[in-house]
C-alpha atoms as a PDB file:
ATOM      1  CA  UNK A   1     157.267  34.516 123.711  1.00  0.00           C
ATOM      2  CA  UNK A   2     156.371  35.334 120.101  1.00  0.00           C
ATOM      3  CA  UNK A   3     153.204  33.943 118.641  1.00  0.00           C
ATOM      4  CA  UNK A   4     153.853  31.287 115.984  1.00  0.00           C
ATOM      5  CA  UNK A   5     153.148  32.411 112.427  1.00  0.00           C
ATOM      6  CA  UNK A   6     149.979  30.907 111.022  1.00  0.00           C
ATOM      7  CA  UNK A   7     150.379  29.184 107.643  1.00  0.00           C
ATOM      8  CA  UNK A   8     148.383  30.911 104.910  1.00  0.00           C
ATOM      9  CA  UNK A   9     148.639  29.131 101.545  1.00  0.00           C
ATOM     10  CA  UNK A  10     147.652  32.285  99.631  1.00  0.00           C
ATOM     11  CA  UNK A  11     150.643  34.117 101.111  1.00  0.00           C
ATOM     12  CA  UNK A  12     153.143  31.358 101.807  1.00  0.00           C
ATOM     13  CA  UNK A  13     152.750  29.563  98.461  1.00  0.00           C
ATOM     14  CA  UNK A  14     152.522  32.675  96.288  1.00  0.00           C
ATOM     15  CA  UNK A  15     154.795  32.214  93.299  1.00  0.00           C
ATOM     16  CA  UNK A  16     155.367  28.484  93.862  1.00  0.00           C
ATOM     17  CA  UNK A  17     151.899  27.005  93.272  1.00  0.00           C
ATOM     18  CA  UNK A  18     151.895  23.707  91.388  1.00  0.00           C
ATOM     19  CA  UNK A  19     149.240  21.155  90.548  1.00  0.00           C
ATOM     20  CA  UNK A  20     150.546  19.075  93.460  1.00  0.00           C
ATOM     21  CA  UNK A  21     150.110  21.938  95.935  1.00  0.00           C
ATOM     22  CA  UNK A  22     146.695  22.697  94.463  1.00  0.00           C
ATOM     23  CA  UNK A  23     145.671  19.081  95.117  1.00  0.00           C
ATOM     24  CA  UNK A  24     146.665  19.555  98.744  1.00  0.00           C
ATOM     25  CA  UNK A  25     145.264  23.033  99.497  1.00  0.00           C
ATOM     26  CA  UNK A  26     142.486  23.877  97.023  1.00  0.00           C
ATOM     27  CA  UNK A  27     139.700  24.770  97.184  1.00  0.00           C
ATOM     28  CA  UNK A  28     140.292  27.046 100.128  1.00  0.00           C
ATOM     29  CA  UNK A  29     137.554  26.713 102.782  1.00  0.00           C
ATOM     30  CA  UNK A  30     136.953  30.468 102.771  1.00  0.00           C
ATOM     31  CA  UNK A  31     136.798  30.592  98.928  1.00  0.00           C
ATOM     32  CA  UNK A  32     135.187  27.346  97.768  1.00  0.00           C
ATOM     33  CA  UNK A  33     133.305  28.706  94.758  1.00  0.00           C
ATOM     34  CA  UNK A  34     135.931  30.690  92.885  1.00  0.00           C
ATOM     35  CA  UNK A  35     137.810  29.734  89.742  1.00  0.00           C
ATOM     36  CA  UNK A  36     141.412  28.781  90.489  1.00  0.00           C
ATOM     37  CA  UNK A  37     143.916  29.290  87.686  1.00  0.00           C
ATOM     38  CA  UNK A  38     147.692  29.481  87.909  1.00  0.00           C
ATOM     39  CA  UNK A  39     150.269  31.322  85.832  1.00  0.00           C
ATOM     40  CA  UNK A  40     153.917  30.602  86.541  1.00  0.00           C
ATOM     41  CA  UNK A  41     153.266  29.585  90.134  1.00  0.00           C
ATOM     42  CA  UNK A  42     150.974  32.530  90.919  1.00  0.00           C
ATOM     43  CA  UNK A  43     147.403  31.655  91.787  1.00  0.00           C
ATOM     44  CA  UNK A  44     144.691  33.716  90.072  1.00  0.00           C
ATOM     45  CA  UNK A  45     141.208  33.564  91.559  1.00  0.00           C
ATOM     46  CA  UNK A  46     138.047  34.960  90.010  1.00  0.00           C
ATOM     47  CA  UNK A  47     134.425  34.703  91.154  1.00  0.00           C
ATOM     48  CA  UNK A  48     131.857  32.692  89.278  1.00  0.00           C
ATOM     49  CA  UNK A  49     130.566  34.389  86.141  1.00  0.00           C
ATOM     50  CA  UNK A  50     127.082  35.838  85.742  1.00  0.00           C
ATOM     51  CA  UNK A  51     124.197  33.395  85.373  1.00  0.00           C
ATOM     52  CA  UNK A  52     123.672  34.304  81.708  1.00  0.00           C
ATOM     53  CA  UNK A  53     127.171  33.050  80.884  1.00  0.00           C
ATOM     54  CA  UNK A  54     126.575  29.800  82.762  1.00  0.00           C
ATOM     55  CA  UNK A  55     123.333  29.258  80.832  1.00  0.00           C
ATOM     56  CA  UNK A  56     125.062  30.018  77.524  1.00  0.00           C
ATOM     57  CA  UNK A  57     127.906  27.614  78.341  1.00  0.00           C
ATOM     58  CA  UNK A  58     125.393  24.802  78.846  1.00  0.00           C
ATOM     59  CA  UNK A  59     123.621  25.692  75.599  1.00  0.00           C
ATOM     60  CA  UNK A  60     126.900  25.781  73.665  1.00  0.00           C
ATOM     61  CA  UNK A  61     127.830  22.324  74.945  1.00  0.00           C
ATOM     62  CA  UNK A  62     124.436  21.027  73.759  1.00  0.00           C
ATOM     63  CA  UNK A  63     124.845  22.744  70.368  1.00  0.00           C
ATOM     64  CA  UNK A  64     128.418  21.597  69.682  1.00  0.00           C
ATOM     65  CA  UNK A  65     128.290  18.229  71.432  1.00  0.00           C
ATOM     66  CA  UNK A  66     126.417  15.990  68.972  1.00  0.00           C
ATOM     67  CA  UNK A  67     128.386  17.027  65.878  1.00  0.00           C
ATOM     68  CA  UNK A  68     131.726  17.120  67.659  1.00  0.00           C
ATOM     69  CA  UNK A  69     131.196  13.705  69.238  1.00  0.00           C
ATOM     70  CA  UNK A  70     130.027  12.191  65.938  1.00  0.00           C
ATOM     71  CA  UNK A  71     133.508  12.835  64.489  1.00  0.00           C
ATOM     72  CA  UNK A  72     135.499  11.734  67.529  1.00  0.00           C
ATOM     73  CA  UNK A  73     135.773  14.828  69.759  1.00  0.00           C
ATOM     74  CA  UNK A  74     134.753  15.155  73.411  1.00  0.00           C
ATOM     75  CA  UNK A  75     133.010  18.317  74.635  1.00  0.00           C
ATOM     76  CA  UNK A  76     133.652  19.172  78.287  1.00  0.00           C
ATOM     77  CA  UNK A  77     132.607  22.043  80.500  1.00  0.00           C
ATOM     78  CA  UNK A  78     135.180  23.728  82.714  1.00  0.00           C
ATOM     79  CA  UNK A  79     138.389  21.716  83.271  1.00  0.00           C
ATOM     80  CA  UNK A  80     141.919  22.337  84.541  1.00  0.00           C
ATOM     81  CA  UNK A  81     143.666  22.696  81.178  1.00  0.00           C
ATOM     82  CA  UNK A  82     147.300  22.215  82.138  1.00  0.00           C
ATOM     83  CA  UNK A  83     150.347  23.542  80.292  1.00  0.00           C
ATOM     84  CA  UNK A  84     152.950  22.798  82.984  1.00  0.00           C
ATOM     85  CA  UNK A  85     152.654  21.877  86.674  1.00  0.00           C
ATOM     86  CA  UNK A  86     152.884  25.616  87.445  1.00  0.00           C
ATOM     87  CA  UNK A  87     150.539  26.841  84.708  1.00  0.00           C
ATOM     88  CA  UNK A  88     146.879  25.959  84.149  1.00  0.00           C
ATOM     89  CA  UNK A  89     143.670  27.695  83.116  1.00  0.00           C
ATOM     90  CA  UNK A  90     139.994  26.795  83.289  1.00  0.00           C
ATOM     91  CA  UNK A  91     138.270  27.382  79.943  1.00  0.00           C
ATOM     92  CA  UNK A  92     134.483  27.656  80.133  1.00  0.00           C
ATOM     93  CA  UNK A  93     134.088  24.890  77.527  1.00  0.00           C
ATOM     94  CA  UNK A  94     136.859  22.564  76.359  1.00  0.00           C
ATOM     95  CA  UNK A  95     136.883  20.286  73.294  1.00  0.00           C
ATOM     96  CA  UNK A  96     139.311  17.376  73.452  1.00  0.00           C
ATOM     97  CA  UNK A  97     140.500  15.077  70.654  1.00  0.00           C
ATOM     98  CA  UNK A  98     141.672  12.430  73.119  1.00  0.00           C
ATOM     99  CA  UNK A  99     140.631  11.238  76.549  1.00  0.00           C
ATOM    100  CA  UNK A 100     142.831  11.536  79.627  1.00  0.00           C
ATOM    101  CA  UNK A 101     144.736   8.291  80.224  1.00  0.00           C
ATOM    102  CA  UNK A 102     144.354   8.165  84.019  1.00  0.00           C
ATOM    103  CA  UNK A 103     142.857   9.926  87.051  1.00  0.00           C
ATOM    104  CA  UNK A 104     145.772  12.365  87.252  1.00  0.00           C
ATOM    105  CA  UNK A 105     145.275  13.508  83.643  1.00  0.00           C
ATOM    106  CA  UNK A 106     141.524  13.612  84.211  1.00  0.00           C
ATOM    107  CA  UNK A 107     142.068  16.142  87.015  1.00  0.00           C
ATOM    108  CA  UNK A 108     144.856  18.092  85.245  1.00  0.00           C
ATOM    109  CA  UNK A 109     144.018  17.700  81.550  1.00  0.00           C
ATOM    110  CA  UNK A 110     147.146  18.148  79.395  1.00  0.00           C
ATOM    111  CA  UNK A 111     146.862  20.900  76.788  1.00  0.00           C
ATOM    112  CA  UNK A 112     148.131  18.402  74.162  1.00  0.00           C
ATOM    113  CA  UNK A 113     144.672  16.738  74.325  1.00  0.00           C
ATOM    114  CA  UNK A 114     142.824  19.996  73.610  1.00  0.00           C
ATOM    115  CA  UNK A 115     141.504  20.885  70.167  1.00  0.00           C
ATOM    116  CA  UNK A 116     139.535  23.984  71.177  1.00  0.00           C
ATOM    117  CA  UNK A 117     139.193  26.109  74.287  1.00  0.00           C
ATOM    118  CA  UNK A 118     136.156  28.378  74.670  1.00  0.00           C
ATOM    119  CA  UNK A 119     136.088  31.554  76.738  1.00  0.00           C
ATOM    120  CA  UNK A 120     132.943  33.468  77.654  1.00  0.00           C
ATOM    121  CA  UNK A 121     133.599  37.160  78.177  1.00  0.00           C
ATOM    122  CA  UNK A 122     131.476  39.995  79.483  1.00  0.00           C
ATOM    123  CA  UNK A 123     132.170  43.596  80.488  1.00  0.00           C
ATOM    124  CA  UNK A 124     132.667  42.392  84.075  1.00  0.00           C
ATOM    125  CA  UNK A 125     134.969  39.528  83.174  1.00  0.00           C
ATOM    126  CA  UNK A 126     137.154  41.786  81.036  1.00  0.00           C
ATOM    127  CA  UNK A 127     137.892  43.867  84.118  1.00  0.00           C
ATOM    128  CA  UNK A 128     138.666  40.878  86.347  1.00  0.00           C
ATOM    129  CA  UNK A 129     140.254  38.399  83.944  1.00  0.00           C
ATOM    130  CA  UNK A 130     143.988  38.617  84.480  1.00  0.00           C
ATOM    131  CA  UNK A 131     144.820  35.520  82.429  1.00  0.00           C
ATOM    132  CA  UNK A 132     145.287  35.939  78.674  1.00  0.00           C
ATOM    133  CA  UNK A 133     143.772  32.582  77.732  1.00  0.00           C
ATOM    134  CA  UNK A 134     144.125  32.927  73.946  1.00  0.00           C
ATOM    135  CA  UNK A 135     147.822  33.705  74.268  1.00  0.00           C
ATOM    136  CA  UNK A 136     148.391  30.787  76.650  1.00  0.00           C
ATOM    137  CA  UNK A 137     146.503  28.367  74.406  1.00  0.00           C
ATOM    138  CA  UNK A 138     148.267  29.564  71.252  1.00  0.00           C
ATOM    139  CA  UNK A 139     151.672  29.172  72.908  1.00  0.00           C
ATOM    140  CA  UNK A 140     150.725  25.599  73.851  1.00  0.00           C
ATOM    141  CA  UNK A 141     149.653  24.796  70.282  1.00  0.00           C
ATOM    142  CA  UNK A 142     145.901  24.434  70.933  1.00  0.00           C
ATOM    143  CA  UNK A 143     144.598  24.493  67.320  1.00  0.00           C
ATOM    144  CA  UNK A 144     141.341  26.434  67.882  1.00  0.00           C
ATOM    145  CA  UNK A 145     139.974  29.029  70.287  1.00  0.00           C
ATOM    146  CA  UNK A 146     136.426  30.391  70.532  1.00  0.00           C
ATOM    147  CA  UNK A 147     135.371  33.596  72.260  1.00  0.00           C
ATOM    148  CA  UNK A 148     131.729  34.139  73.182  1.00  0.00           C
ATOM    149  CA  UNK A 149     130.071  37.280  74.522  1.00  0.00           C
ATOM    150  CA  UNK A 150     126.462  37.331  75.704  1.00  0.00           C
ATOM    151  CA  UNK A 151     124.343  40.086  77.208  1.00  0.00           C
ATOM    152  CA  UNK A 152     120.865  39.167  78.368  1.00  0.00           C
ATOM    153  CA  UNK A 153     119.946  42.812  78.990  1.00  0.00           C
ATOM    154  CA  UNK A 154     120.876  43.826  75.426  1.00  0.00           C
ATOM    155  CA  UNK A 155     119.607  40.529  73.895  1.00  0.00           C
ATOM    156  CA  UNK A 156     122.975  40.285  72.182  1.00  0.00           C
ATOM    157  CA  UNK A 157     125.348  37.385  71.575  1.00  0.00           C
ATOM    158  CA  UNK A 158     128.547  37.293  69.534  1.00  0.00           C
ATOM    159  CA  UNK A 159     130.849  34.374  68.765  1.00  0.00           C
ATOM    160  CA  UNK A 160     134.281  34.418  67.150  1.00  0.00           C
ATOM    161  CA  UNK A 161     136.217  31.306  66.131  1.00  0.00           C
ATOM    162  CA  UNK A 162     140.003  31.440  65.778  1.00  0.00           C
ATOM    163  CA  UNK A 163     142.476  28.969  64.255  1.00  0.00           C
ATOM    164  CA  UNK A 164     146.159  28.807  65.091  1.00  0.00           C
ATOM    165  CA  UNK A 165     148.121  30.301  62.215  1.00  0.00           C
ATOM    166  CA  UNK A 166     151.604  29.532  60.987  1.00  0.00           C
ATOM    167  CA  UNK A 167     152.945  32.509  62.963  1.00  0.00           C
ATOM    168  CA  UNK A 168     151.802  30.898  66.222  1.00  0.00           C
ATOM    169  CA  UNK A 169     148.945  33.324  66.894  1.00  0.00           C
ATOM    170  CA  UNK A 170     145.220  32.923  66.349  1.00  0.00           C
ATOM    171  CA  UNK A 171     143.573  34.125  63.143  1.00  0.00           C
ATOM    172  CA  UNK A 172     139.812  34.741  62.939  1.00  0.00           C
ATOM    173  CA  UNK A 173     138.130  32.130  60.733  1.00  0.00           C
ATOM    174  CA  UNK A 174     134.460  32.863  61.503  1.00  0.00           C
ATOM    175  CA  UNK A 175     132.369  35.341  63.461  1.00  0.00           C
ATOM    176  CA  UNK A 176     128.674  36.003  63.926  1.00  0.00           C
ATOM    177  CA  UNK A 177     126.304  38.008  66.092  1.00  0.00           C
ATOM    178  CA  UNK A 178     122.674  37.408  67.033  1.00  0.00           C
ATOM    179  CA  UNK A 179     120.586  36.853  63.914  1.00  0.00           C
ATOM    180  CA  UNK A 180     123.535  35.548  61.866  1.00  0.00           C
ATOM    181  CA  UNK A 181     124.948  32.029  61.519  1.00  0.00           C
ATOM    182  CA  UNK A 182     128.389  31.073  62.759  1.00  0.00           C
ATOM    183  CA  UNK A 183     129.613  28.570  60.180  1.00  0.00           C
ATOM    184  CA  UNK A 184     132.868  26.622  60.027  1.00  0.00           C
ATOM    185  CA  UNK A 185     134.024  23.247  58.719  1.00  0.00           C
ATOM    186  CA  UNK A 186     136.799  22.774  61.268  1.00  0.00           C
ATOM    187  CA  UNK A 187     137.615  21.539  63.807  1.00  0.00           C
ATOM    188  CA  UNK A 188     134.220  19.927  63.123  1.00  0.00           C
ATOM    189  CA  UNK A 189     131.093  21.232  61.372  1.00  0.00           C
ATOM    190  CA  UNK A 190     129.724  24.250  63.233  1.00  0.00           C
ATOM    191  CA  UNK A 191     126.520  26.050  62.246  1.00  0.00           C
ATOM    192  CA  UNK A 192     124.403  27.989  64.739  1.00  0.00           C
ATOM    193  CA  UNK A 193     122.931  31.426  65.473  1.00  0.00           C
ATOM    194  CA  UNK A 194     124.556  32.946  68.575  1.00  0.00           C
ATOM    195  CA  UNK A 195     121.089  34.169  69.635  1.00  0.00           C
ATOM    196  CA  UNK A 196     120.389  30.557  70.607  1.00  0.00           C
ATOM    197  CA  UNK A 197     122.801  30.964  73.527  1.00  0.00           C
ATOM    198  CA  UNK A 198     120.593  33.569  75.245  1.00  0.00           C
ATOM    199  CA  UNK A 199     118.139  32.597  77.992  1.00  0.00           C
END
């Protein structure tokens, strides 16, 4: 008698992942601390970033939060930013212009509520990041995107702010490295030295 096949969600659901299936099967017991993103039904998992990025994410939230909130925005950490039931990403920091209307939207935040997604990159994340977050956000009409790179060893930080252009792709509107000021008037007043993101 043949042994019954054991169900493995990573294999058996490959290509058909949805938010509903994710609710049922994620996080996987053997991989509880990875980032789960999904592109067209295919699950993409990446390990947690380096500690320096986590520290910088917290600092950026504290830097942007007061000004953003004073003009009606909401600054979140990592969320499930959802484009369709089969496509979501997890930005490192997410700025919303509206609050989710219910628990379902709070778990799977619709991209239409997002004003700016922020991605922290590093040499390691460039090799393992298989999701083109700027392209996904631009296609969904997210008005702003910010990319941050920090290196504790080099004592270097760089930030670039993009705005969605009329052609449907992001254009650089401001950039700065350690020792300079990143300044922008939109989506809310921004003025800080990227060096402040380093531990």
